[in-house]
Amino acid sequence: MARRSIRTSVTLPERSYAEIQALAEANDVSTAWVIRQAVLQYLSDGVGQRELPLAARRSGR
């Protein structure tokens, strides 16, 4: 069964996007591929977490 994909957009700082573009170019992939891989890695690293790491920092925990 084919997986359904959802299109979304994000706003990034110019410097971050430039780094993503350079990484994509160096590896002959699209910027979308780099961002997808980063999101997938982030989600797999945080399996089972109920709170984002940034939320804990903001609340002083």
N, C-alpha and C. Protein backbone atom coordinates (compact mmCIF):
# COMPACT_ATOMS: atom_id res chain seq x y z
N MET A 1 0.84 -1.18 0.00
CA MET A 1 0.00 0.00 0.00
C MET A 1 0.89 1.25 0.00
N ALA A 2 0.58 2.19 -0.86
CA ALA A 2 1.38 3.42 -0.96
C ALA A 2 1.13 4.31 0.24
N ARG A 3 2.20 4.91 0.71
CA ARG A 3 2.07 5.86 1.82
C ARG A 3 1.62 7.20 1.29
N ARG A 4 0.80 7.86 2.04
CA ARG A 4 0.31 9.17 1.66
C ARG A 4 1.26 10.22 2.22
N SER A 5 1.63 11.17 1.40
CA SER A 5 2.50 12.26 1.83
C SER A 5 1.70 13.54 1.91
N ILE A 6 2.07 14.38 2.85
CA ILE A 6 1.43 15.67 3.05
C ILE A 6 2.46 16.75 2.78
N ARG A 7 2.08 17.73 1.99
CA ARG A 7 2.98 18.86 1.70
C ARG A 7 2.80 19.91 2.79
N THR A 8 3.91 20.46 3.24
CA THR A 8 3.88 21.53 4.24
C THR A 8 4.96 22.54 3.91
N SER A 9 4.95 23.64 4.60
CA SER A 9 6.02 24.62 4.39
C SER A 9 6.51 25.12 5.74
N VAL A 10 7.74 25.52 5.77
CA VAL A 10 8.34 26.07 6.99
C VAL A 10 9.13 27.32 6.61
N THR A 11 9.30 28.18 7.58
CA THR A 11 10.13 29.36 7.39
C THR A 11 11.42 29.13 8.17
N LEU A 12 12.54 29.28 7.48
CA LEU A 12 13.85 29.05 8.08
C LEU A 12 14.67 30.32 8.03
N PRO A 13 15.58 30.47 8.98
CA PRO A 13 16.53 31.58 8.86
C PRO A 13 17.35 31.39 7.58
N GLU A 14 17.72 32.49 6.97
CA GLU A 14 18.45 32.45 5.70
C GLU A 14 19.72 31.59 5.80
N ARG A 15 20.43 31.73 6.90
CA ARG A 15 21.68 30.98 7.07
C ARG A 15 21.42 29.46 7.13
N SER A 16 20.37 29.07 7.84
CA SER A 16 20.04 27.65 7.93
C SER A 16 19.70 27.09 6.55
N TYR A 17 18.92 27.84 5.80
CA TYR A 17 18.55 27.38 4.46
C TYR A 17 19.78 27.28 3.56
N ALA A 18 20.68 28.23 3.68
CA ALA A 18 21.91 28.20 2.88
C ALA A 18 22.72 26.95 3.20
N GLU A 19 22.78 26.58 4.48
CA GLU A 19 23.51 25.37 4.89
C GLU A 19 22.83 24.13 4.33
N ILE A 20 21.50 24.11 4.36
CA ILE A 20 20.76 22.98 3.81
C ILE A 20 20.99 22.87 2.31
N GLN A 21 20.97 24.00 1.62
CA GLN A 21 21.23 24.00 0.17
C GLN A 21 22.63 23.47 -0.13
N ALA A 22 23.62 23.91 0.63
CA ALA A 22 25.00 23.46 0.41
C ALA A 22 25.12 21.95 0.65
N LEU A 23 24.49 21.47 1.69
CA LEU A 23 24.51 20.05 2.01
C LEU A 23 23.84 19.24 0.90
N ALA A 24 22.71 19.73 0.44
CA ALA A 24 21.99 19.04 -0.64
C ALA A 24 22.82 19.00 -1.92
N GLU A 25 23.40 20.14 -2.25
CA GLU A 25 24.21 20.22 -3.47
C GLU A 25 25.42 19.28 -3.39
N ALA A 26 26.08 19.26 -2.25
CA ALA A 26 27.27 18.42 -2.07
C ALA A 26 26.94 16.93 -2.18
N ASN A 27 25.69 16.58 -1.88
CA ASN A 27 25.29 15.17 -1.90
C ASN A 27 24.35 14.83 -3.06
N ASP A 28 24.19 15.78 -3.97
CA ASP A 28 23.37 15.58 -5.17
C ASP A 28 21.94 15.12 -4.84
N VAL A 29 21.35 15.79 -3.85
CA VAL A 29 19.95 15.54 -3.48
C VAL A 29 19.24 16.89 -3.39
N SER A 30 17.94 16.86 -3.24
CA SER A 30 17.17 18.10 -3.14
C SER A 30 17.17 18.62 -1.70
N THR A 31 16.88 19.91 -1.57
CA THR A 31 16.75 20.47 -0.22
C THR A 31 15.59 19.80 0.51
N ALA A 32 14.53 19.47 -0.21
CA ALA A 32 13.39 18.79 0.40
C ALA A 32 13.82 17.45 0.99
N TRP A 33 14.69 16.72 0.28
CA TRP A 33 15.17 15.43 0.78
C TRP A 33 15.94 15.62 2.08
N VAL A 34 16.82 16.62 2.13
CA VAL A 34 17.61 16.88 3.34
C VAL A 34 16.67 17.19 4.51
N ILE A 35 15.69 18.04 4.28
CA ILE A 35 14.77 18.43 5.34
C ILE A 35 13.93 17.23 5.79
N ARG A 36 13.44 16.43 4.84
CA ARG A 36 12.68 15.22 5.20
C ARG A 36 13.51 14.28 6.07
N GLN A 37 14.76 14.06 5.67
CA GLN A 37 15.62 13.16 6.44
C GLN A 37 15.87 13.71 7.84
N ALA A 38 16.05 15.02 7.95
CA ALA A 38 16.27 15.64 9.27
C ALA A 38 15.05 15.47 10.16
N VAL A 39 13.87 15.66 9.60
CA VAL A 39 12.63 15.50 10.38
C VAL A 39 12.46 14.05 10.80
N LEU A 40 12.66 13.12 9.88
CA LEU A 40 12.54 11.70 10.22
C LEU A 40 13.52 11.30 11.31
N GLN A 41 14.75 11.78 11.23
CA GLN A 41 15.76 11.47 12.24
C GLN A 41 15.36 12.06 13.59
N TYR A 42 14.89 13.29 13.59
CA TYR A 42 14.46 13.96 14.82
C TYR A 42 13.33 13.17 15.48
N LEU A 43 12.37 12.75 14.69
CA LEU A 43 11.24 12.00 15.24
C LEU A 43 11.67 10.63 15.75
N SER A 44 12.55 9.95 15.05
CA SER A 44 12.98 8.62 15.51
C SER A 44 13.86 8.72 16.75
N ASP A 45 14.64 9.78 16.88
CA ASP A 45 15.46 9.97 18.08
C ASP A 45 14.62 10.29 19.30
N GLY A 46 13.44 10.86 19.11
CA GLY A 46 12.61 11.27 20.22
C GLY A 46 11.43 10.36 20.48
N VAL A 47 11.49 9.13 20.00
CA VAL A 47 10.39 8.20 20.18
C VAL A 47 10.06 8.06 21.67
N GLY A 48 8.80 8.22 21.99
CA GLY A 48 8.36 8.08 23.37
C GLY A 48 8.40 9.37 24.17
N GLN A 49 9.03 10.40 23.64
CA GLN A 49 9.05 11.67 24.37
C GLN A 49 7.71 12.35 24.24
N ARG A 50 7.24 12.90 25.33
CA ARG A 50 5.97 13.60 25.31
C ARG A 50 6.18 15.10 25.21
N GLU A 51 7.37 15.55 25.48
CA GLU A 51 7.65 16.98 25.51
C GLU A 51 8.83 17.29 24.61
N LEU A 52 8.72 18.38 23.88
CA LEU A 52 9.84 18.80 23.05
C LEU A 52 10.96 19.31 23.94
N PRO A 53 12.21 19.06 23.57
CA PRO A 53 13.33 19.54 24.37
C PRO A 53 13.30 21.05 24.59
N LEU A 54 12.85 21.80 23.60
CA LEU A 54 12.81 23.26 23.73
C LEU A 54 11.79 23.70 24.76
N ALA A 55 10.69 22.97 24.90
CA ALA A 55 9.66 23.33 25.88
C ALA A 55 10.22 23.23 27.30
N ALA A 56 11.04 22.23 27.56
CA ALA A 56 11.63 22.08 28.89
C ALA A 56 12.58 23.22 29.19
N ARG A 57 13.36 23.64 28.20
CA ARG A 57 14.29 24.76 28.40
C ARG A 57 13.56 26.05 28.68
N ARG A 58 12.46 26.28 27.98
CA ARG A 58 11.71 27.52 28.16
C ARG A 58 11.08 27.60 29.54
N SER A 59 10.63 26.46 30.06
CA SER A 59 9.95 26.48 31.36
C SER A 59 10.94 26.38 32.52
N GLY A 60 12.24 26.29 32.21
CA GLY A 60 13.26 26.25 33.26
C GLY A 60 13.43 24.91 33.93
N ARG A 61 12.95 23.86 33.32
CA ARG A 61 13.10 22.51 33.91
C ARG A 61 14.46 21.93 33.67
